[in-house]
Amino acid sequence: MQNNQSVRLEFIVLIASLMSIVALAIDAILPAMSTIGISINSLDSNSNQLLITMIFLGLGSGQLLFGPLSDSFGRKPIVYIGLSVFAVASIICVLSPSLEWMIFGRILQGIGLAAPRTIAIAIIRDMYKGDYMAKIMSFVTTFFILVPVVAPVMGKFILNHYNWRGIFYAQLVIAFIVCIWFWKRQPETLKPEHKVKFTKFVFINGLKELLKYKVSIAFTIVSGFISGAFIVYLSASQIIFENQYGLVNEFPYIFAGLAAGVGLSTFLNGSFVMRFGMWRLAFFAILVFFLNSFCYVLFFWNSENPSLPILLVFMAIQFFTIGFIFGNLRAIAMEPIGHIAGIGAAITGFISTVMAVPIANYIGSFVNETALPLFIGFSIFGFLSLSIFFYMKRDVKIV
């Protein structure tokens, strides 16, 4: 376990880059959703949202495979396997003749990307613990957030100067570069004495061990609630800004601006977490997450969308809280299960993602005429998350 002095900037940027391939695969195609839909004969914007939400289904299920494998065979070989699956899936997306084939390719992309996403977290847990782990997660996430800032702009540029397939080719090139960097510069972090013999019972045994830790289960569920609400925004943002507000050309820049707010708060979290603790910061962030969205629902219930500046103010506040939520929640959930970091990251990630996808698909189906369903979803799952915090307060002092 490393100390504060041993953190290298290269490590933070490398791990963030490994995780960022996921964000690139999700966000870069947002400006091209309508064009892709026309190309594959899918003209229903709600159906096209599946191109975003279903990649999360692959991410969730893939973790169950790659997490246990990484505990048995090491972190690095599994990353290579996952990126190979991602490469095959990207080619399937490029060649897809229909929505069904494209969805299959997106799910397979998610399965492949589950390896670098899960194992990046396991590597951090191999090396750090406690609030300092949360600090490292925050700095990694800060770099990670830069991708949603630039990805839609990059996607729009490629779309304007080439076509939507070029977006997938660009993802492949970037993934290849990161893979080579990871291979050359990142040592294996799973110590030989911590390797777990791979058997057909590894998942069952890991789940039994995980269930011993109420904190890990509780905050995995909270992650599922918040992630589900956030995925609604990812999948429906193109409908809100392009269809409801008519901001086709401006959409990538609006998305980038909101993502930059998440990046700022994530960076601040890295500085604040050592002073206030991950529990307290996560609690207050979710409290603001709930109150802000609930106020929007009260103000604009059963009415048309507000003016764009007002909507952006509410969204900016909402997403500013995200930077104080995700890294801390994951660190809280992983803290008690460092001895099973690979399978632990896999199971907790699977549970939260499998919760998030149906939440996103259901709420997203209502985002047609106004953004109100988005904020209703934020309110409901913010309230449920707060309830779990208050329940867990009996065991851990939060405030």
Protein backbone atom coordinates (compact mmCIF):
# COMPACT_ATOMS: atom_id res chain seq x y z
CA MET A 1 0.00 0.00 0.00
CA GLN A 2 1.55 3.26 -1.09
CA ASN A 3 1.82 6.50 0.79
CA ASN A 4 1.00 10.06 -0.15
CA GLN A 5 4.49 10.83 -1.49
CA SER A 6 4.52 8.03 -4.05
CA VAL A 7 1.69 9.23 -6.29
CA ARG A 8 2.84 9.88 -9.86
CA LEU A 9 0.98 12.21 -12.17
CA GLU A 10 1.53 9.70 -14.95
CA PHE A 11 -0.26 7.02 -12.94
CA ILE A 12 -3.30 9.26 -12.45
CA VAL A 13 -3.43 10.23 -16.13
CA LEU A 14 -2.87 6.65 -17.32
CA ILE A 15 -5.58 5.15 -15.12
CA ALA A 16 -7.92 7.98 -16.09
CA SER A 17 -7.18 7.34 -19.77
CA LEU A 18 -7.95 3.67 -19.29
CA MET A 19 -11.33 4.52 -17.77
CA SER A 20 -11.94 7.31 -20.28
CA ILE A 21 -12.32 4.95 -23.22
CA VAL A 22 -15.73 4.17 -21.72
CA ALA A 23 -16.75 7.84 -21.70
CA LEU A 24 -15.40 8.28 -25.22
CA ALA A 25 -17.47 5.36 -26.50
CA ILE A 26 -20.60 6.80 -24.89
CA ASP A 27 -20.31 10.54 -25.45
CA ALA A 28 -18.61 10.85 -28.83
CA ILE A 29 -21.64 9.52 -30.70
CA LEU A 30 -24.16 11.87 -29.05
CA PRO A 31 -24.07 14.50 -31.83
CA ALA A 32 -24.43 11.72 -34.40
CA MET A 33 -27.46 9.97 -32.90
CA SER A 34 -29.94 11.28 -35.47
CA THR A 35 -27.55 10.59 -38.36
CA ILE A 36 -26.87 7.06 -37.15
CA GLY A 37 -30.61 6.49 -36.76
CA ILE A 38 -31.23 7.51 -40.37
CA SER A 39 -28.36 5.32 -41.59
CA ILE A 40 -29.68 2.21 -39.82
CA ASN A 41 -33.36 2.98 -40.58
CA SER A 42 -34.32 3.86 -37.02
CA LEU A 43 -36.21 7.16 -36.92
CA ASP A 44 -37.66 6.91 -33.38
CA SER A 45 -35.55 9.10 -31.09
CA ASN A 46 -36.64 7.16 -27.98
CA SER A 47 -35.50 3.88 -29.57
CA ASN A 48 -32.19 5.47 -30.50
CA GLN A 49 -31.59 6.22 -26.81
CA LEU A 50 -30.86 2.49 -26.50
CA LEU A 51 -27.55 3.14 -28.25
CA ILE A 52 -26.51 4.92 -25.06
CA THR A 53 -28.25 2.97 -22.32
CA MET A 54 -27.48 -0.54 -23.60
CA ILE A 55 -23.73 -0.05 -23.53
CA PHE A 56 -24.18 0.22 -19.76
CA LEU A 57 -25.83 -3.21 -19.76
CA GLY A 58 -22.66 -4.60 -21.31
CA LEU A 59 -20.52 -2.72 -18.82
CA GLY A 60 -22.46 -4.22 -15.92
CA SER A 61 -22.43 -7.82 -17.12
CA GLY A 62 -18.83 -7.73 -18.35
CA GLN A 63 -17.60 -6.82 -14.89
CA LEU A 64 -18.83 -10.15 -13.55
CA LEU A 65 -16.50 -11.92 -15.96
CA PHE A 66 -13.42 -9.74 -15.90
CA GLY A 67 -13.38 -8.90 -12.18
CA PRO A 68 -12.92 -12.50 -10.97
CA LEU A 69 -10.50 -13.26 -13.81
CA SER A 70 -8.33 -10.32 -12.76
CA ASP A 71 -8.19 -11.65 -9.19
CA SER A 72 -6.90 -14.96 -10.52
CA PHE A 73 -4.67 -14.07 -13.48
CA GLY A 74 -3.62 -10.49 -12.77
CA ARG A 75 -4.90 -7.07 -13.76
CA LYS A 76 -2.98 -6.45 -16.98
CA PRO A 77 -3.82 -9.54 -19.10
CA ILE A 78 -7.55 -8.98 -18.56
CA VAL A 79 -7.30 -5.38 -19.75
CA TYR A 80 -5.81 -6.62 -23.03
CA ILE A 81 -8.62 -9.15 -23.49
CA GLY A 82 -11.28 -6.54 -22.80
CA LEU A 83 -9.84 -4.04 -25.27
CA SER A 84 -9.70 -6.78 -27.92
CA VAL A 85 -13.41 -7.45 -27.41
CA PHE A 86 -14.04 -3.71 -27.69
CA ALA A 87 -12.19 -3.60 -31.02
CA VAL A 88 -14.33 -6.40 -32.48
CA ALA A 89 -17.51 -4.76 -31.17
CA SER A 90 -16.56 -1.42 -32.74
CA ILE A 91 -16.23 -3.04 -36.15
CA ILE A 92 -19.68 -4.60 -35.67
CA CYS A 93 -21.09 -1.12 -34.95
CA VAL A 94 -19.46 0.30 -38.09
CA LEU A 95 -20.94 -2.46 -40.26
CA SER A 96 -24.39 -2.55 -38.58
CA PRO A 97 -27.30 -2.53 -41.06
CA SER A 98 -30.03 -2.14 -38.42
CA LEU A 99 -30.80 -0.87 -34.92
CA GLU A 100 -30.73 -4.43 -33.58
CA TRP A 101 -27.20 -5.06 -34.85
CA MET A 102 -26.04 -1.68 -33.58
CA ILE A 103 -27.46 -2.42 -30.11
CA PHE A 104 -25.68 -5.79 -30.15
CA GLY A 105 -22.43 -4.04 -31.03
CA ARG A 106 -22.94 -1.46 -28.28
CA ILE A 107 -23.62 -4.15 -25.66
CA LEU A 108 -20.48 -5.99 -26.79
CA GLN A 109 -18.53 -2.72 -26.61
CA GLY A 110 -19.71 -2.36 -23.03
CA ILE A 111 -18.67 -5.92 -22.18
CA GLY A 112 -15.18 -5.28 -23.52
CA LEU A 113 -14.82 -1.91 -21.80
CA ALA A 114 -15.90 -3.44 -18.49
CA ALA A 115 -12.34 -4.79 -18.23
CA PRO A 116 -10.41 -1.48 -18.21
CA ARG A 117 -13.14 0.25 -16.23
CA THR A 118 -13.31 -2.36 -13.45
CA ILE A 119 -9.63 -3.12 -13.33
CA ALA A 120 -8.67 0.56 -13.16
CA ILE A 121 -10.65 0.76 -9.91
CA ALA A 122 -9.13 -2.49 -8.66
CA ILE A 123 -5.61 -1.15 -9.39
CA ILE A 124 -6.35 1.97 -7.34
CA ARG A 125 -7.68 -0.20 -4.49
CA ASP A 126 -4.58 -2.42 -4.75
CA MET A 127 -2.40 0.62 -4.11
CA TYR A 128 -4.41 2.92 -1.81
CA LYS A 129 -7.09 2.87 0.88
CA GLY A 130 -9.42 5.08 2.92
CA ASP A 131 -9.87 8.80 2.29
CA TYR A 132 -6.62 8.82 0.36
CA MET A 133 -8.10 6.29 -2.05
CA ALA A 134 -11.06 8.65 -2.45
CA LYS A 135 -8.61 11.48 -3.15
CA ILE A 136 -6.86 9.46 -5.87
CA MET A 137 -10.25 8.48 -7.32
CA SER A 138 -11.19 12.16 -7.44
CA PHE A 139 -8.04 13.17 -9.30
CA VAL A 140 -8.43 10.25 -11.70
CA THR A 141 -12.05 11.20 -12.26
CA THR A 142 -11.03 14.83 -12.88
CA PHE A 143 -8.94 13.75 -15.85
CA PHE A 144 -11.63 11.26 -16.82
CA ILE A 145 -14.22 14.07 -16.97
CA LEU A 146 -12.15 15.88 -19.60
CA VAL A 147 -13.30 13.24 -22.09
CA PRO A 148 -17.04 14.09 -21.86
CA VAL A 149 -15.98 17.72 -22.31
CA VAL A 150 -14.20 17.09 -25.61
CA ALA A 151 -15.85 13.88 -26.88
CA PRO A 152 -19.08 15.41 -28.27
CA VAL A 153 -17.09 18.22 -29.92
CA MET A 154 -14.75 15.63 -31.42
CA GLY A 155 -17.74 13.57 -32.56
CA LYS A 156 -19.35 16.62 -34.16
CA PHE A 157 -16.10 17.51 -35.95
CA ILE A 158 -15.69 13.98 -37.34
CA LEU A 159 -19.35 13.88 -38.32
CA ASN A 160 -19.05 17.17 -40.24
CA HIS A 161 -15.80 16.29 -42.01
CA TYR A 162 -16.17 12.54 -42.51
CA ASN A 163 -19.16 10.50 -41.31
CA TRP A 164 -20.47 8.82 -38.17
CA ARG A 165 -18.38 5.69 -38.77
CA GLY A 166 -15.26 7.80 -38.36
CA ILE A 167 -16.20 8.30 -34.71
CA PHE A 168 -15.85 4.56 -34.09
CA TYR A 169 -12.54 4.45 -35.98
CA ALA A 170 -11.22 7.30 -33.81
CA GLN A 171 -12.23 5.39 -30.67
CA LEU A 172 -10.27 2.36 -31.88
CA VAL A 173 -7.12 4.40 -32.51
CA ILE A 174 -7.28 6.06 -29.08
CA ALA A 175 -7.93 2.72 -27.34
CA PHE A 176 -4.90 1.21 -29.10
CA ILE A 177 -2.64 4.08 -27.99
CA VAL A 178 -3.81 3.79 -24.36
CA CYS A 179 -3.33 0.02 -24.45
CA ILE A 180 0.29 0.38 -25.57
CA TRP A 181 0.93 3.02 -22.90
CA PHE A 182 -0.60 0.78 -20.22
CA TRP A 183 1.47 -2.18 -21.40
CA LYS A 184 4.74 -0.26 -21.32
CA ARG A 185 4.35 1.83 -18.16
CA GLN A 186 1.97 0.23 -15.64
CA PRO A 187 3.35 -2.60 -13.47
CA GLU A 188 1.14 -5.44 -12.33
CA THR A 189 -0.44 -4.50 -8.97
CA LEU A 190 -1.93 -7.83 -7.89
CA LYS A 191 0.60 -9.44 -5.59
CA PRO A 192 1.11 -13.20 -6.13
CA GLU A 193 0.02 -13.98 -2.56
CA HIS A 194 -3.31 -12.21 -3.19
CA LYS A 195 -4.22 -14.22 -6.28
CA VAL A 196 -7.39 -16.25 -5.95
CA LYS A 197 -7.61 -19.64 -7.63
CA PHE A 198 -10.19 -19.39 -10.38
CA THR A 199 -13.03 -21.85 -9.92
CA LYS A 200 -16.67 -21.98 -10.88
CA PHE A 201 -17.44 -20.90 -7.32
CA VAL A 202 -15.34 -17.71 -7.39
CA PHE A 203 -18.36 -15.51 -8.04
CA ILE A 204 -20.50 -17.22 -5.41
CA ASN A 205 -17.71 -17.04 -2.84
CA GLY A 206 -17.05 -13.40 -3.68
CA LEU A 207 -20.74 -12.55 -3.35
CA LYS A 208 -20.93 -14.31 0.01
CA GLU A 209 -17.93 -12.30 1.21
CA LEU A 210 -19.38 -9.05 -0.12
CA LEU A 211 -22.71 -9.63 1.64
CA LYS A 212 -20.88 -9.53 4.96
CA TYR A 213 -20.31 -5.80 4.51
CA LYS A 214 -23.49 -3.76 4.83
CA VAL A 215 -21.72 -0.53 3.91
CA SER A 216 -20.59 -1.93 0.56
CA ILE A 217 -24.09 -3.17 -0.32
CA ALA A 218 -25.84 0.01 0.81
CA PHE A 219 -23.64 2.38 -1.17
CA THR A 220 -23.62 0.16 -4.21
CA ILE A 221 -27.41 0.61 -4.24
CA VAL A 222 -26.99 4.38 -3.86
CA SER A 223 -24.58 4.31 -6.82
CA GLY A 224 -27.23 2.49 -8.82
CA PHE A 225 -29.86 5.14 -8.02
CA ILE A 226 -27.63 8.10 -8.89
CA SER A 227 -26.13 6.40 -11.95
CA GLY A 228 -29.57 5.53 -13.30
CA ALA A 229 -30.73 9.13 -13.00
CA PHE A 230 -27.52 10.39 -14.61
CA ILE A 231 -27.72 7.93 -17.52
CA VAL A 232 -31.16 9.37 -18.30
CA TYR A 233 -29.43 12.68 -18.96
CA LEU A 234 -26.75 11.05 -21.13
CA SER A 235 -29.32 9.27 -23.27
CA ALA A 236 -31.89 12.10 -23.42
CA SER A 237 -29.64 15.17 -23.62
CA GLN A 238 -29.68 15.11 -27.41
CA ILE A 239 -33.50 15.09 -27.40
CA ILE A 240 -33.69 17.92 -24.86
CA PHE A 241 -31.21 20.30 -26.48
CA GLU A 242 -31.60 19.42 -30.17
CA ASN A 243 -35.31 18.55 -30.40
CA GLN A 244 -36.88 20.59 -27.60
CA TYR A 245 -34.65 23.67 -27.80
CA GLY A 246 -33.51 23.40 -31.43
CA LEU A 247 -29.82 23.69 -30.53
CA VAL A 248 -28.36 21.21 -33.01
CA ASN A 249 -25.02 22.94 -33.59
CA GLU A 250 -24.71 24.24 -30.02
CA PHE A 251 -25.45 20.90 -28.32
CA PRO A 252 -21.83 19.58 -28.14
CA TYR A 253 -20.67 22.80 -26.48
CA ILE A 254 -23.53 22.85 -23.97
CA PHE A 255 -22.78 19.22 -23.10
CA ALA A 256 -19.09 20.07 -22.76
CA GLY A 257 -19.84 23.00 -20.48
CA LEU A 258 -21.94 20.91 -18.11
CA ALA A 259 -19.31 18.17 -18.12
CA ALA A 260 -16.67 20.77 -17.24
CA GLY A 261 -18.70 21.61 -14.12
CA VAL A 262 -18.54 17.96 -13.10
CA GLY A 263 -14.78 18.04 -13.67
CA LEU A 264 -14.37 21.13 -11.49
CA SER A 265 -16.32 19.65 -8.59
CA THR A 266 -14.43 16.37 -8.91
CA PHE A 267 -11.14 18.23 -8.68
CA LEU A 268 -12.37 20.15 -5.64
CA ASN A 269 -13.45 16.88 -4.07
CA GLY A 270 -9.89 15.63 -4.35
CA SER A 271 -8.79 18.58 -2.24
CA PHE A 272 -11.70 18.57 0.24
CA VAL A 273 -11.99 14.85 0.91
CA MET A 274 -8.93 14.72 3.16
CA ARG A 275 -10.35 17.58 5.24
CA PHE A 276 -14.02 16.61 5.50
CA GLY A 277 -14.04 12.87 4.69
CA MET A 278 -15.72 10.98 1.87
CA TRP A 279 -18.87 10.20 3.88
CA ARG A 280 -19.67 13.80 4.73
CA LEU A 281 -18.97 15.15 1.25
CA ALA A 282 -21.08 12.46 -0.41
CA PHE A 283 -23.96 13.09 2.00
CA PHE A 284 -24.12 16.85 1.45
CA ALA A 285 -23.71 16.45 -2.32
CA ILE A 286 -26.68 14.07 -2.51
CA LEU A 287 -28.69 16.43 -0.30
CA VAL A 288 -28.12 19.27 -2.81
CA PHE A 289 -28.75 16.83 -5.69
CA PHE A 290 -32.19 16.10 -4.26
CA LEU A 291 -33.15 19.65 -3.22
CA ASN A 292 -32.16 21.22 -6.54
CA SER A 293 -34.12 18.72 -8.63
CA PHE A 294 -37.11 18.85 -6.28
CA CYS A 295 -37.24 22.66 -6.62
CA TYR A 296 -37.24 22.30 -10.42
CA VAL A 297 -40.17 19.87 -10.22
CA LEU A 298 -42.11 22.29 -7.97
CA PHE A 299 -41.45 25.29 -10.21
CA PHE A 300 -42.16 23.68 -13.59
CA TRP A 301 -44.69 20.94 -12.79
CA ASN A 302 -47.12 20.45 -15.68
CA SER A 303 -45.64 23.34 -17.68
CA GLU A 304 -43.43 23.88 -20.71
CA ASN A 305 -39.65 23.98 -20.50
CA PRO A 306 -38.24 27.12 -18.90
CA SER A 307 -35.95 29.41 -20.86
CA LEU A 308 -32.57 27.90 -21.71
CA PRO A 309 -30.56 29.93 -19.14
CA ILE A 310 -32.84 28.77 -16.31
CA LEU A 311 -32.60 25.13 -17.40
CA LEU A 312 -28.82 25.38 -17.61
CA VAL A 313 -28.59 26.86 -14.09
CA PHE A 314 -30.53 23.92 -12.64
CA MET A 315 -28.51 21.42 -14.67
CA ALA A 316 -25.21 23.06 -13.72
CA ILE A 317 -26.05 22.80 -10.01
CA GLN A 318 -27.20 19.21 -10.48
CA PHE A 319 -24.06 18.09 -12.23
CA PHE A 320 -21.74 20.05 -9.95
CA THR A 321 -22.89 17.70 -7.20
CA ILE A 322 -21.99 14.67 -9.31
CA GLY A 323 -18.28 15.35 -8.84
CA PHE A 324 -18.70 15.01 -5.08
CA ILE A 325 -20.85 11.88 -5.39
CA PHE A 326 -19.47 9.23 -7.74
CA GLY A 327 -15.84 8.96 -6.60
CA ASN A 328 -16.77 9.06 -2.92
CA LEU A 329 -19.57 6.52 -3.27
CA ARG A 330 -17.29 4.08 -5.06
CA ALA A 331 -14.54 4.57 -2.47
CA ILE A 332 -17.01 4.04 0.41
CA ALA A 333 -18.32 0.84 -1.18
CA MET A 334 -14.81 -0.50 -1.93
CA GLU A 335 -13.20 0.42 1.42
CA PRO A 336 -14.24 -2.72 3.39
CA ILE A 337 -13.51 -5.18 0.54
CA GLY A 338 -9.93 -4.44 -0.44
CA HIS A 339 -9.05 -8.12 0.05
CA ILE A 340 -11.38 -9.00 -2.87
CA ALA A 341 -10.86 -5.82 -4.90
CA GLY A 342 -11.31 -7.44 -8.33
CA ILE A 343 -14.47 -9.45 -7.65
CA GLY A 344 -15.66 -6.70 -5.30
CA ALA A 345 -15.38 -4.03 -8.00
CA ALA A 346 -17.07 -6.41 -10.43
CA ILE A 347 -20.06 -7.29 -8.27
CA THR A 348 -20.65 -3.77 -6.96
CA GLY A 349 -20.32 -2.38 -10.49
CA PHE A 350 -22.69 -5.02 -11.85
CA ILE A 351 -25.33 -4.35 -9.21
CA SER A 352 -25.26 -0.58 -9.66
CA THR A 353 -25.29 -0.81 -13.47
CA VAL A 354 -28.06 -3.40 -13.66
CA MET A 355 -30.10 -1.11 -11.42
CA ALA A 356 -29.24 1.95 -13.51
CA VAL A 357 -30.14 0.65 -16.99
CA PRO A 358 -33.86 -0.05 -16.41
CA ILE A 359 -34.15 3.22 -14.46
CA ALA A 360 -32.65 5.10 -17.41
CA ASN A 361 -34.73 3.29 -20.04
CA TYR A 362 -37.98 3.85 -18.16
CA ILE A 363 -37.52 7.52 -17.28
CA GLY A 364 -35.94 8.29 -20.64
CA SER A 365 -39.06 7.06 -22.44
CA PHE A 366 -40.96 10.03 -20.95
CA VAL A 367 -38.49 12.71 -22.03
CA ASN A 368 -40.35 13.76 -25.17
CA GLU A 369 -41.85 17.23 -24.81
CA THR A 370 -40.08 18.64 -21.73
CA ALA A 371 -37.10 17.99 -19.44
CA LEU A 372 -39.42 17.57 -16.42
CA PRO A 373 -39.24 13.72 -16.34
CA LEU A 374 -35.46 14.01 -16.03
CA PHE A 375 -35.74 16.12 -12.87
CA ILE A 376 -38.51 13.94 -11.47
CA GLY A 377 -36.09 11.03 -11.76
CA PHE A 378 -33.35 13.04 -10.06
CA SER A 379 -35.74 13.88 -7.21
CA ILE A 380 -37.01 10.35 -6.63
CA PHE A 381 -33.61 8.69 -6.61
CA GLY A 382 -31.98 11.52 -4.71
CA PHE A 383 -34.58 11.03 -1.98
CA LEU A 384 -34.05 7.25 -1.92
CA SER A 385 -30.30 7.76 -1.68
CA LEU A 386 -30.69 10.16 1.23
CA SER A 387 -32.89 7.60 2.97
CA ILE A 388 -30.11 5.02 2.76
CA PHE A 389 -27.63 7.56 4.13
CA PHE A 390 -29.85 8.23 7.13
CA TYR A 391 -30.28 4.50 7.67
CA MET A 392 -26.51 3.95 7.58
CA LYS A 393 -25.97 6.89 9.95
CA ARG A 394 -26.82 4.49 12.78
CA ASP A 395 -23.55 2.67 12.09
CA VAL A 396 -21.24 5.43 10.84
CA LYS A 397 -21.05 9.06 11.97
CA ILE A 398 -21.56 11.13 8.82
CA VAL A 399 -22.22 14.65 10.05
